[in-house]
N, C-alpha and C. Protein backbone atom coordinates (compact mmCIF):
# COMPACT_ATOMS: atom_id res chain seq x y z
N MET A 1 187.43 81.46 186.03
CA MET A 1 186.19 82.05 186.31
C MET A 1 185.13 80.90 186.72
N ARG A 2 185.24 79.81 186.07
CA ARG A 2 184.35 78.66 186.43
C ARG A 2 184.59 78.25 187.90
N SER A 3 185.88 78.27 188.28
CA SER A 3 186.16 77.79 189.66
C SER A 3 185.56 78.70 190.67
N GLY A 4 185.59 80.10 190.32
CA GLY A 4 185.02 81.07 191.30
C GLY A 4 183.62 80.83 191.55
N TRP A 5 182.84 80.57 190.47
CA TRP A 5 181.36 80.22 190.62
C TRP A 5 181.20 78.92 191.45
N LEU A 6 182.00 77.93 191.23
CA LEU A 6 181.86 76.62 191.95
C LEU A 6 182.19 76.93 193.52
N LEU A 7 183.04 77.76 193.79
CA LEU A 7 183.40 78.10 195.20
C LEU A 7 182.24 78.90 195.81
N ALA A 8 181.63 79.70 195.04
CA ALA A 8 180.53 80.51 195.69
C ALA A 8 179.36 79.59 195.91
N LEU A 9 179.05 78.64 195.03
CA LEU A 9 177.93 77.67 195.13
C LEU A 9 178.18 76.89 196.40
N VAL A 10 179.43 76.43 196.59
CA VAL A 10 179.66 75.64 197.86
C VAL A 10 179.52 76.50 199.14
N VAL A 11 179.80 77.72 199.07
CA VAL A 11 179.69 78.52 200.26
C VAL A 11 178.22 78.72 200.54
N VAL A 12 177.40 79.08 199.45
CA VAL A 12 176.01 79.19 199.68
C VAL A 12 175.39 77.98 200.06
N ALA A 13 175.77 76.75 199.58
CA ALA A 13 175.10 75.51 200.11
C ALA A 13 175.35 75.33 201.51
N GLY A 14 176.67 75.65 201.90
CA GLY A 14 177.01 75.47 203.40
C GLY A 14 176.21 76.22 204.27
N LEU A 15 175.96 77.60 203.85
CA LEU A 15 175.11 78.50 204.67
C LEU A 15 173.72 77.90 204.80
N LEU A 16 173.10 77.39 203.71
CA LEU A 16 171.72 76.84 203.61
C LEU A 16 171.62 75.74 204.67
N VAL A 17 172.68 74.81 204.65
CA VAL A 17 172.61 73.68 205.55
C VAL A 17 172.53 74.25 207.09
N LEU A 18 173.42 75.23 207.36
CA LEU A 18 173.43 75.74 208.64
C LEU A 18 172.10 76.37 209.08
N LEU A 19 171.45 77.24 208.16
CA LEU A 19 170.29 77.83 208.42
C LEU A 19 169.07 76.95 208.65
N LEU A 20 169.02 75.82 207.76
CA LEU A 20 167.99 74.74 208.04
C LEU A 20 168.22 74.05 209.16
N GLY A 21 169.44 73.78 209.59
CA GLY A 21 169.71 72.96 210.79
C GLY A 21 169.40 73.66 212.11
N SER A 22 169.45 75.04 212.11
CA SER A 22 169.21 75.81 213.33
C SER A 22 167.84 76.37 213.33
N ARG A 23 167.02 76.20 212.36
CA ARG A 23 165.65 76.72 212.47
C ARG A 23 164.84 76.02 213.42
N PRO A 24 163.77 76.63 214.09
CA PRO A 24 162.95 75.94 215.02
C PRO A 24 162.24 74.86 214.50
N GLY A 25 162.13 73.65 215.19
CA GLY A 25 161.58 72.44 214.68
C GLY A 25 162.42 71.58 213.91
N ALA A 26 163.64 72.00 213.66
CA ALA A 26 164.55 71.13 212.89
C ALA A 26 164.95 69.95 213.73
N PRO A 27 164.95 68.68 213.22
CA PRO A 27 165.47 67.64 213.94
C PRO A 27 166.77 67.69 214.54
N ALA A 28 166.94 67.30 215.78
CA ALA A 28 168.30 67.46 216.52
C ALA A 28 169.06 66.24 216.20
N ALA A 29 170.36 66.50 216.20
CA ALA A 29 171.33 65.43 215.82
C ALA A 29 171.20 64.37 216.93
N ILE A 30 171.32 63.09 216.53
CA ILE A 30 171.17 61.98 217.51
C ILE A 30 172.58 61.66 217.97
N VAL A 31 172.77 61.94 219.32
CA VAL A 31 174.06 61.81 219.98
C VAL A 31 173.94 60.60 220.95
N PRO A 32 174.65 59.56 220.75
CA PRO A 32 174.60 58.37 221.64
C PRO A 32 174.91 58.94 223.03
N SER A 33 174.24 58.36 224.01
CA SER A 33 174.60 58.68 225.39
C SER A 33 174.68 57.47 226.29
N ALA A 34 175.12 57.56 227.60
CA ALA A 34 175.25 56.46 228.34
C ALA A 34 174.05 55.64 228.64
N ALA A 35 172.97 56.52 228.59
CA ALA A 35 171.59 55.93 228.89
C ALA A 35 171.14 55.03 227.86
N THR A 36 171.52 55.36 226.50
CA THR A 36 171.11 54.42 225.45
C THR A 36 172.00 53.27 225.23
N ALA A 37 173.15 53.23 225.89
CA ALA A 37 174.08 52.14 225.85
C ALA A 37 173.47 50.83 226.25
N THR A 38 173.96 49.74 225.63
CA THR A 38 173.47 48.42 226.04
C THR A 38 173.74 48.08 227.46
N ALA A 39 172.81 47.91 228.28
CA ALA A 39 172.89 47.70 229.82
C ALA A 39 173.43 46.26 229.98
N ALA A 40 174.28 46.06 231.04
CA ALA A 40 174.71 44.85 231.44
C ALA A 40 173.60 43.87 231.81
N PRO A 41 173.75 42.61 231.43
CA PRO A 41 172.65 41.69 231.82
C PRO A 41 172.52 41.59 233.40
N PRO A 42 171.35 41.31 233.80
CA PRO A 42 171.13 41.29 235.30
C PRO A 42 171.84 40.03 235.83
N SER A 43 172.41 40.25 237.03
CA SER A 43 173.07 39.02 237.66
C SER A 43 171.95 38.22 238.43
N ILE A 44 172.31 37.00 238.72
CA ILE A 44 171.48 36.09 239.53
C ILE A 44 171.27 36.76 240.83
N LEU A 45 172.13 37.65 241.35
CA LEU A 45 171.85 38.26 242.58
C LEU A 45 170.71 39.19 242.59
N ASP A 46 170.39 39.79 241.44
CA ASP A 46 169.30 40.71 241.33
C ASP A 46 167.96 40.07 241.63
N ALA A 47 167.85 38.80 241.41
CA ALA A 47 166.67 37.97 241.65
C ALA A 47 166.52 37.38 243.03
N ASN A 48 167.57 37.65 243.86
CA ASN A 48 167.65 37.26 245.21
C ASN A 48 168.05 38.42 246.24
N PRO A 49 166.92 39.27 246.58
CA PRO A 49 167.29 40.38 247.40
C PRO A 49 167.98 40.26 248.55
N ALA A 50 167.66 39.24 249.38
CA ALA A 50 168.44 39.06 250.70
C ALA A 50 169.81 38.67 250.47
N VAL A 51 170.17 37.90 249.45
CA VAL A 51 171.60 37.56 249.18
C VAL A 51 172.24 38.82 248.67
N LYS A 52 171.61 39.52 247.65
CA LYS A 52 172.29 40.66 247.12
C LYS A 52 172.52 41.75 248.12
N ARG A 53 171.60 41.88 249.11
CA ARG A 53 171.85 42.88 250.16
C ARG A 53 173.01 42.47 250.93
N ALA A 54 173.18 41.27 251.37
CA ALA A 54 174.42 40.76 252.14
C ALA A 54 175.74 41.00 251.30
N TYR A 55 175.60 40.60 250.04
CA TYR A 55 176.73 40.78 249.11
C TYR A 55 177.13 42.23 248.92
N ASP A 56 176.27 43.09 248.76
CA ASP A 56 176.53 44.53 248.45
C ASP A 56 176.99 45.13 249.69
N GLN A 57 176.67 44.76 251.01
CA GLN A 57 177.01 45.33 252.22
C GLN A 57 178.28 44.81 252.71
N GLY A 58 178.96 43.93 251.94
CA GLY A 58 180.22 43.39 252.38
C GLY A 58 180.20 42.27 253.40
N ARG A 59 178.96 41.71 253.64
CA ARG A 59 178.84 40.68 254.61
C ARG A 59 179.19 39.42 253.90
N GLY A 60 179.45 38.39 254.59
CA GLY A 60 179.95 37.11 254.01
C GLY A 60 181.38 37.21 253.81
N ARG A 61 181.86 36.29 252.86
CA ARG A 61 183.32 36.27 252.59
C ARG A 61 183.64 36.14 251.08
N SER A 62 184.36 37.06 250.60
CA SER A 62 184.74 36.99 249.18
C SER A 62 185.88 35.86 249.02
N LEU A 63 185.65 34.86 248.19
CA LEU A 63 186.58 33.79 248.08
C LEU A 63 187.34 33.80 246.71
N ASP A 64 186.80 33.81 245.62
CA ASP A 64 187.39 34.01 244.38
C ASP A 64 188.32 32.94 244.10
N GLN A 65 188.05 31.75 244.35
CA GLN A 65 188.83 30.50 244.04
C GLN A 65 188.37 29.86 242.73
N THR A 66 189.26 29.72 241.80
CA THR A 66 189.01 29.15 240.52
C THR A 66 189.66 27.87 240.22
N GLN A 67 188.97 26.81 239.80
CA GLN A 67 189.40 25.47 239.41
C GLN A 67 189.09 25.48 237.94
N THR A 68 190.01 24.95 237.17
CA THR A 68 189.85 24.82 235.68
C THR A 68 190.01 23.35 235.28
N VAL A 69 189.10 22.69 234.65
CA VAL A 69 189.08 21.29 234.17
C VAL A 69 188.72 21.22 232.78
N ALA A 70 189.61 20.63 231.92
CA ALA A 70 189.22 20.48 230.62
C ALA A 70 188.90 21.92 229.96
N GLY A 71 189.49 22.92 230.39
CA GLY A 71 189.40 24.19 229.82
C GLY A 71 188.07 24.98 230.22
N VAL A 72 187.38 24.43 231.25
CA VAL A 72 186.25 25.06 231.74
C VAL A 72 186.45 25.55 233.10
N PRO A 73 186.55 26.84 233.39
CA PRO A 73 186.84 27.27 234.71
C PRO A 73 185.52 27.43 235.49
N VAL A 74 185.45 27.03 236.83
CA VAL A 74 184.45 27.18 237.76
C VAL A 74 185.09 28.13 238.96
N THR A 75 184.42 29.13 239.30
CA THR A 75 184.87 30.00 240.23
C THR A 75 183.97 30.11 241.42
N LEU A 76 184.33 29.78 242.72
CA LEU A 76 183.63 30.09 243.90
C LEU A 76 183.94 31.43 244.31
N ARG A 77 182.95 32.37 244.06
CA ARG A 77 183.16 33.74 244.29
C ARG A 77 183.05 34.17 245.67
N TRP A 78 181.94 33.72 246.38
CA TRP A 78 181.44 34.29 247.60
C TRP A 78 180.72 33.33 248.36
N ALA A 79 180.72 33.39 249.70
CA ALA A 79 179.91 32.69 250.55
C ALA A 79 179.28 33.54 251.65
N GLY A 80 178.07 33.29 251.99
CA GLY A 80 177.48 34.20 252.98
C GLY A 80 176.20 33.51 253.58
N PHE A 81 175.55 34.32 254.40
CA PHE A 81 174.43 33.82 255.14
C PHE A 81 173.27 34.75 254.89
N ASP A 82 172.04 34.18 254.51
CA ASP A 82 170.94 35.01 254.15
C ASP A 82 169.94 35.05 255.43
N GLY A 83 170.38 34.61 256.51
CA GLY A 83 169.57 34.64 257.68
C GLY A 83 168.94 33.31 257.97
N GLN A 84 168.95 32.40 256.95
CA GLN A 84 168.45 31.03 257.10
C GLN A 84 169.41 29.99 256.59
N HIS A 85 170.15 30.29 255.41
CA HIS A 85 170.91 29.24 254.89
C HIS A 85 172.27 29.84 254.50
N LEU A 86 173.31 28.78 254.49
CA LEU A 86 174.55 29.20 253.84
C LEU A 86 174.30 29.28 252.41
N VAL A 87 174.82 30.34 251.82
CA VAL A 87 174.62 30.60 250.40
C VAL A 87 176.11 30.72 249.72
N LEU A 88 176.26 29.88 248.65
CA LEU A 88 177.52 29.98 247.81
C LEU A 88 177.15 30.56 246.50
N PHE A 89 178.04 31.48 246.09
CA PHE A 89 177.87 32.10 244.66
C PHE A 89 178.99 31.62 243.76
N LEU A 90 178.58 30.86 242.70
CA LEU A 90 179.51 30.32 241.79
C LEU A 90 179.22 30.74 240.39
N THR A 91 180.34 30.85 239.59
CA THR A 91 180.18 31.15 238.09
C THR A 91 180.99 30.14 237.37
N VAL A 92 180.46 29.89 236.20
CA VAL A 92 181.11 28.90 235.18
C VAL A 92 181.20 29.77 233.86
N ILE A 93 182.37 29.77 233.26
CA ILE A 93 182.56 30.40 231.96
C ILE A 93 182.37 29.31 230.94
N GLU A 94 181.37 29.52 230.03
CA GLU A 94 180.99 28.56 229.00
C GLU A 94 182.13 28.46 228.05
N PRO A 95 182.50 27.20 227.58
CA PRO A 95 183.36 27.22 226.45
C PRO A 95 182.56 27.49 225.22
N ALA A 96 183.32 27.84 224.10
CA ALA A 96 182.69 28.31 222.78
C ALA A 96 181.85 27.17 222.13
N ASP A 97 182.36 25.88 222.35
CA ASP A 97 181.69 24.82 221.57
C ASP A 97 180.61 24.09 222.17
N THR A 98 180.30 24.46 223.55
CA THR A 98 179.16 23.80 224.13
C THR A 98 178.61 24.70 225.24
N ALA A 99 177.48 24.24 225.76
CA ALA A 99 176.92 24.95 226.96
C ALA A 99 177.02 24.09 228.11
N VAL A 100 177.37 24.63 229.31
CA VAL A 100 177.38 23.82 230.56
C VAL A 100 176.56 24.46 231.48
N MET A 101 176.22 23.69 232.54
CA MET A 101 175.33 24.22 233.66
C MET A 101 175.62 23.36 234.93
N LEU A 102 175.40 24.02 236.02
CA LEU A 102 175.54 23.47 237.40
C LEU A 102 174.12 22.85 237.66
N TYR A 103 174.14 21.53 237.81
CA TYR A 103 173.02 20.78 238.23
C TYR A 103 173.40 20.13 239.66
N PRO A 104 172.99 20.71 240.72
CA PRO A 104 173.40 20.10 242.07
C PRO A 104 173.21 18.63 242.20
N GLU A 105 172.01 18.14 241.81
CA GLU A 105 171.76 16.74 241.95
C GLU A 105 172.55 15.82 240.98
N ALA A 106 172.37 16.34 239.68
CA ALA A 106 172.94 15.57 238.69
C ALA A 106 174.48 15.57 238.74
N ASN A 107 175.09 16.53 239.28
CA ASN A 107 176.60 16.75 239.25
C ASN A 107 177.17 16.05 240.57
N HIS A 108 176.34 15.54 241.45
CA HIS A 108 176.80 14.84 242.62
C HIS A 108 177.65 15.94 243.41
N MET A 109 177.14 17.10 243.61
CA MET A 109 177.82 18.01 244.34
C MET A 109 177.62 17.75 245.89
N SER A 110 178.58 18.24 246.64
CA SER A 110 178.40 17.94 248.13
C SER A 110 179.22 19.13 248.81
N LEU A 111 178.68 19.57 249.96
CA LEU A 111 179.38 20.48 250.79
C LEU A 111 179.36 19.99 252.15
N ALA A 112 180.54 19.85 252.81
CA ALA A 112 180.72 19.17 254.00
C ALA A 112 181.84 19.78 254.93
N ARG A 113 181.61 19.53 256.18
CA ARG A 113 182.73 19.92 257.13
C ARG A 113 183.71 18.65 257.31
N PRO A 114 184.95 18.89 257.59
CA PRO A 114 185.84 17.74 257.72
C PRO A 114 185.39 16.69 258.65
N GLY A 115 185.30 15.46 258.27
CA GLY A 115 184.80 14.34 259.07
C GLY A 115 183.38 14.27 259.23
N ALA A 116 182.61 15.14 258.57
CA ALA A 116 181.07 15.10 258.88
C ALA A 116 180.35 14.85 257.60
N ALA A 117 179.13 14.56 257.82
CA ALA A 117 178.25 14.22 256.56
C ALA A 117 177.95 15.51 255.79
N ALA A 118 177.62 15.29 254.55
CA ALA A 118 177.29 16.50 253.74
C ALA A 118 176.06 17.20 254.30
N LEU A 119 176.25 18.56 254.20
CA LEU A 119 175.17 19.39 254.61
C LEU A 119 174.00 19.36 253.65
N PRO A 120 172.79 19.30 254.16
CA PRO A 120 171.55 19.10 253.28
C PRO A 120 171.41 20.37 252.39
N GLU A 121 171.08 20.11 251.02
CA GLU A 121 170.86 21.18 250.18
C GLU A 121 169.43 21.81 250.40
N ALA A 122 169.33 23.13 250.28
CA ALA A 122 168.21 23.84 250.61
C ALA A 122 167.73 24.52 249.30
N GLY A 123 168.24 24.23 248.14
CA GLY A 123 167.67 24.82 246.99
C GLY A 123 168.81 25.47 246.22
N ASP A 124 168.58 25.66 244.88
CA ASP A 124 169.63 26.31 244.11
C ASP A 124 168.98 27.19 242.93
N ASP A 125 169.67 28.09 242.44
CA ASP A 125 169.11 29.03 241.53
C ASP A 125 170.14 29.41 240.53
N CYS A 126 170.01 28.94 239.24
CA CYS A 126 171.05 29.18 238.30
C CYS A 126 170.55 29.89 237.02
N SER A 127 171.36 30.69 236.30
CA SER A 127 170.87 31.38 235.16
C SER A 127 172.14 31.72 234.22
N VAL A 128 171.89 31.82 232.97
CA VAL A 128 172.92 32.35 232.00
C VAL A 128 172.97 33.80 232.06
N VAL A 129 174.18 34.27 232.28
CA VAL A 129 174.33 35.75 232.17
C VAL A 129 175.55 36.04 231.35
N GLY A 130 175.20 36.53 230.08
CA GLY A 130 176.22 36.87 229.15
C GLY A 130 176.80 35.51 228.71
N ASN A 131 178.16 35.34 228.84
CA ASN A 131 178.78 34.10 228.54
C ASN A 131 179.10 33.33 229.76
N ASP A 132 178.62 33.65 230.88
CA ASP A 132 178.66 32.93 232.08
C ASP A 132 177.48 32.27 232.60
N VAL A 133 177.58 31.22 233.37
CA VAL A 133 176.50 30.63 234.13
C VAL A 133 176.75 30.94 235.60
N GLU A 134 175.74 31.69 236.24
CA GLU A 134 175.76 31.98 237.59
C GLU A 134 174.83 31.24 238.47
N CYS A 135 175.33 30.79 239.63
CA CYS A 135 174.48 29.94 240.44
C CYS A 135 174.60 30.40 241.93
N LEU A 136 173.51 30.29 242.63
CA LEU A 136 173.46 30.32 243.94
C LEU A 136 173.03 29.12 244.55
N LEU A 137 173.85 28.47 245.41
CA LEU A 137 173.53 27.21 246.00
C LEU A 137 173.28 27.45 247.49
N ARG A 138 172.25 26.92 248.06
CA ARG A 138 171.93 27.07 249.44
C ARG A 138 171.90 25.83 250.29
N TYR A 139 172.53 25.89 251.50
CA TYR A 139 172.65 24.64 252.38
C TYR A 139 172.09 24.92 253.68
N ASP A 140 171.53 23.89 254.36
CA ASP A 140 171.08 23.90 255.69
C ASP A 140 172.22 23.60 256.52
N LEU A 141 172.47 24.42 257.59
CA LEU A 141 173.58 24.25 258.35
C LEU A 141 173.33 23.23 259.55
N GLY A 142 172.06 23.00 259.69
CA GLY A 142 171.66 21.98 260.76
C GLY A 142 172.20 22.25 262.07
N GLN A 143 172.86 21.38 262.69
CA GLN A 143 173.42 21.49 264.07
C GLN A 143 174.67 22.21 264.22
N ALA A 144 175.29 22.73 263.00
CA ALA A 144 176.57 23.43 262.95
C ALA A 144 176.38 24.64 263.82
N SER A 145 177.49 24.80 264.64
CA SER A 145 177.49 25.97 265.57
C SER A 145 177.88 27.22 264.68
N LEU A 146 177.06 28.30 264.99
CA LEU A 146 177.31 29.57 264.30
C LEU A 146 178.20 30.59 265.10
N GLU A 147 178.65 29.93 266.19
CA GLU A 147 179.56 30.88 267.08
C GLU A 147 180.99 30.61 266.79
N GLN A 148 181.34 29.83 265.86
CA GLN A 148 182.74 29.63 265.51
C GLN A 148 182.85 29.42 264.09
N SER A 149 184.21 29.58 263.68
CA SER A 149 184.45 29.39 262.17
C SER A 149 184.18 28.00 261.70
N LEU A 150 183.89 28.00 260.34
CA LEU A 150 183.46 26.68 259.75
C LEU A 150 184.44 26.45 258.65
N MET A 151 185.13 25.21 258.71
CA MET A 151 185.97 24.69 257.57
C MET A 151 185.01 23.86 256.70
N LEU A 152 185.04 24.24 255.42
CA LEU A 152 184.08 23.55 254.52
C LEU A 152 184.77 23.08 253.24
N ARG A 153 184.31 22.06 252.67
CA ARG A 153 184.86 21.55 251.41
C ARG A 153 183.67 21.36 250.35
N LEU A 154 183.80 22.01 249.18
CA LEU A 154 182.70 21.80 248.12
C LEU A 154 183.32 20.89 247.06
N ASP A 155 182.69 19.83 246.82
CA ASP A 155 183.10 18.98 245.79
C ASP A 155 182.04 18.98 244.64
N ILE A 156 182.52 19.03 243.50
CA ILE A 156 181.66 19.07 242.23
C ILE A 156 182.17 17.93 241.46
N ALA A 157 181.47 16.88 241.30
CA ALA A 157 182.00 15.59 240.58
C ALA A 157 182.03 15.99 239.15
N ARG A 158 181.13 16.68 238.61
CA ARG A 158 181.20 17.06 237.18
C ARG A 158 180.17 18.14 236.89
N LEU A 159 180.34 18.86 235.84
CA LEU A 159 179.31 19.76 235.38
C LEU A 159 178.34 19.02 234.34
N GLY A 160 177.20 19.71 234.24
CA GLY A 160 176.23 19.05 233.26
C GLY A 160 176.45 19.79 231.94
N ALA A 161 176.58 18.93 230.86
CA ALA A 161 176.74 19.56 229.45
C ALA A 161 175.26 19.49 228.92
N LEU A 162 174.72 20.74 228.56
CA LEU A 162 173.42 20.75 227.99
C LEU A 162 173.35 20.06 226.61
N ALA A 163 172.24 19.34 226.42
CA ALA A 163 171.93 18.73 225.13
C ALA A 163 170.54 18.89 224.83
N GLY A 164 170.21 20.06 224.23
CA GLY A 164 168.78 20.39 224.00
C GLY A 164 168.16 20.64 225.20
N VAL A 165 166.97 19.95 225.45
CA VAL A 165 166.33 20.21 226.81
C VAL A 165 166.28 18.93 227.63
N ALA A 166 167.29 18.05 227.42
CA ALA A 166 167.33 16.71 228.03
C ALA A 166 167.32 16.92 229.54
N LEU A 167 166.47 16.16 230.16
CA LEU A 167 166.51 16.32 231.82
C LEU A 167 167.67 15.68 232.46
N SER A 168 168.27 14.81 231.82
CA SER A 168 169.49 14.12 232.37
C SER A 168 170.68 14.54 231.50
N PRO A 169 171.37 15.54 231.85
CA PRO A 169 172.50 16.09 230.96
C PRO A 169 173.60 15.14 230.98
N PRO A 170 174.35 14.78 229.86
CA PRO A 170 175.39 13.94 229.71
C PRO A 170 176.49 14.51 230.64
N PRO A 171 177.53 13.65 230.98
CA PRO A 171 178.68 14.24 231.91
C PRO A 171 179.49 15.24 231.15
N GLY A 172 179.73 16.25 232.05
CA GLY A 172 180.63 17.31 231.62
C GLY A 172 181.99 17.26 232.29
N PRO A 173 182.72 18.40 232.26
CA PRO A 173 184.02 18.26 232.90
C PRO A 173 183.95 18.17 234.46
N GLY A 174 184.99 17.64 235.02
CA GLY A 174 185.13 17.57 236.48
C GLY A 174 186.18 16.53 236.87
N PRO A 175 186.57 16.46 238.13
CA PRO A 175 185.85 16.94 239.22
C PRO A 175 186.54 18.32 239.61
N TYR A 176 185.72 19.17 240.41
CA TYR A 176 186.25 20.40 241.04
C TYR A 176 186.23 20.26 242.56
N ARG A 177 187.07 20.84 243.21
CA ARG A 177 187.20 20.90 244.70
C ARG A 177 187.54 22.23 245.22
N PHE A 178 186.78 22.76 246.18
CA PHE A 178 187.18 24.08 246.79
C PHE A 178 187.16 23.83 248.41
N ASP A 179 188.25 24.24 248.97
CA ASP A 179 188.39 24.31 250.41
C ASP A 179 188.35 25.73 251.01
N PHE A 180 187.45 25.91 251.93
CA PHE A 180 187.48 27.40 252.40
C PHE A 180 187.07 27.35 253.87
N THR A 181 187.32 28.42 254.61
CA THR A 181 186.82 28.63 255.95
C THR A 181 186.13 29.98 256.03
N LEU A 182 185.01 29.87 256.79
CA LEU A 182 184.15 31.04 257.07
C LEU A 182 184.25 31.44 258.55
N PRO A 183 184.61 32.73 258.83
CA PRO A 183 184.65 33.14 260.25
C PRO A 183 183.24 33.27 260.79
N ALA A 184 183.11 33.23 262.09
CA ALA A 184 181.84 33.22 262.77
C ALA A 184 181.09 34.50 262.43
N GLU A 185 181.77 35.66 262.13
CA GLU A 185 180.99 36.91 261.89
C GLU A 185 180.17 36.80 260.58
N VAL A 186 180.54 35.89 259.73
CA VAL A 186 179.72 35.73 258.52
C VAL A 186 178.32 35.40 258.81
N PHE A 187 178.04 34.77 259.97
CA PHE A 187 176.71 34.30 260.24
C PHE A 187 176.01 35.25 261.26
N GLN A 188 176.57 36.45 261.46
CA GLN A 188 175.98 37.41 262.42
C GLN A 188 175.36 38.46 261.57
N SER A 189 174.11 38.64 261.89
CA SER A 189 173.30 39.81 261.23
C SER A 189 173.80 41.17 261.82
N PRO A 190 173.81 42.16 260.83
CA PRO A 190 174.24 43.43 261.32
C PRO A 190 173.40 43.99 262.42
N THR A 191 174.05 44.56 263.35
CA THR A 191 173.31 45.17 264.52
C THR A 191 172.66 46.53 264.11
N PRO A 192 171.26 46.52 264.32
CA PRO A 192 170.59 47.73 263.92
C PRO A 192 170.98 48.93 264.84
N ALA A 193 170.88 50.12 264.34
CA ALA A 193 171.23 51.27 265.13
C ALA A 193 170.23 51.35 266.33
N THR A 194 170.74 51.73 267.42
CA THR A 194 169.92 51.88 268.71
C THR A 194 169.12 53.12 268.70
N ALA A 195 167.75 53.08 268.79
CA ALA A 195 166.97 54.35 268.77
C ALA A 195 166.96 54.91 270.16
N THR A 196 167.00 56.25 270.13
CA THR A 196 166.90 57.01 271.58
C THR A 196 165.52 56.90 271.98
N PRO A 197 165.26 56.55 273.24
CA PRO A 197 163.86 56.54 273.82
C PRO A 197 163.26 57.95 273.76
N VAL A 198 161.95 57.94 273.43
CA VAL A 198 161.34 59.29 273.15
C VAL A 198 161.34 60.17 274.55
N ALA A 199 161.10 59.43 275.62
CA ALA A 199 161.10 60.17 276.99
C ALA A 199 162.39 60.83 277.26
N THR A 200 163.50 60.02 277.07
CA THR A 200 164.80 60.52 277.24
C THR A 200 165.07 61.77 276.42
N ALA A 201 164.75 61.59 275.05
CA ALA A 201 165.00 62.65 274.08
C ALA A 201 164.25 63.92 274.55
N ILE A 202 163.05 63.92 275.16
CA ILE A 202 162.27 65.08 275.45
C ILE A 202 162.86 65.59 276.72
N ASN A 203 163.32 64.83 277.63
CA ASN A 203 164.02 65.35 278.88
C ASN A 203 165.39 66.15 278.59
N ASP A 204 166.09 65.47 277.68
CA ASP A 204 167.42 66.03 277.19
C ASP A 204 167.14 67.46 276.66
N ALA A 205 166.09 67.50 275.75
CA ALA A 205 165.77 68.75 275.06
C ALA A 205 165.30 69.80 275.97
N SER A 206 164.55 69.40 277.08
CA SER A 206 163.98 70.34 278.08
C SER A 206 165.14 70.84 278.99
N SER A 207 166.06 69.97 279.41
CA SER A 207 167.10 70.44 280.21
C SER A 207 168.03 71.38 279.46
N ARG A 208 168.31 71.21 278.23
CA ARG A 208 169.15 72.17 277.47
C ARG A 208 168.51 73.54 277.27
N SER A 209 167.10 73.58 277.36
CA SER A 209 166.50 74.88 277.18
C SER A 209 166.20 75.59 278.54
N GLY A 210 166.57 74.79 279.49
CA GLY A 210 166.35 75.50 280.92
C GLY A 210 164.95 75.35 281.39
N CYS A 211 164.26 74.40 280.86
CA CYS A 211 162.77 74.11 281.31
C CYS A 211 162.59 72.67 281.66
N GLY A 212 163.53 72.15 282.28
CA GLY A 212 163.42 70.64 282.60
C GLY A 212 162.34 70.50 283.61
N VAL A 213 161.74 69.26 283.56
CA VAL A 213 160.63 68.94 284.41
C VAL A 213 161.16 68.23 285.72
N THR A 214 160.84 68.83 286.84
CA THR A 214 161.36 68.27 288.02
C THR A 214 160.42 67.63 288.95
């Protein structure tokens, strides 16, 4: 008899929960959605619209060359042209026990054509994105012809190992070397769509309607 009463109480309690949950004004259940999920950290490309546009439009050359020294991989991901400078996109995966960074001047980095002097640096932009360090390196092509392919070599003598906020980082792993060739089309801007002259468009429309001007 006691078990029957207990069963009845459980059923009544369940009905009350359903009624209270469905009444107007009752708080809705919180359901995780894609919009509330943790967003991926912004890439260094997001802060450089001209480079991101070239990268997203498939201009430039995807390289994806990786060199690993002392357990620290550096990847030369992409090379392109932002209309003024040659741009290299590199990433470094930080080891668990230290933080590393690309410092073009401190690392004695150089980009050169075979048998030629190093190309002048035109600026760099680096940031930590998740567990990676992302860098954009810009170089002035100078007198290099943009009508033919370019053979290039990027040398990184060493990475910088961060030590607090020291301005002169102690030596990190290295050296790294990347050889690659960029075809001439990398340096060509996309051809804009040719607009139809207004007068031609009006004449074409008139001739199709049988009211052409003679």
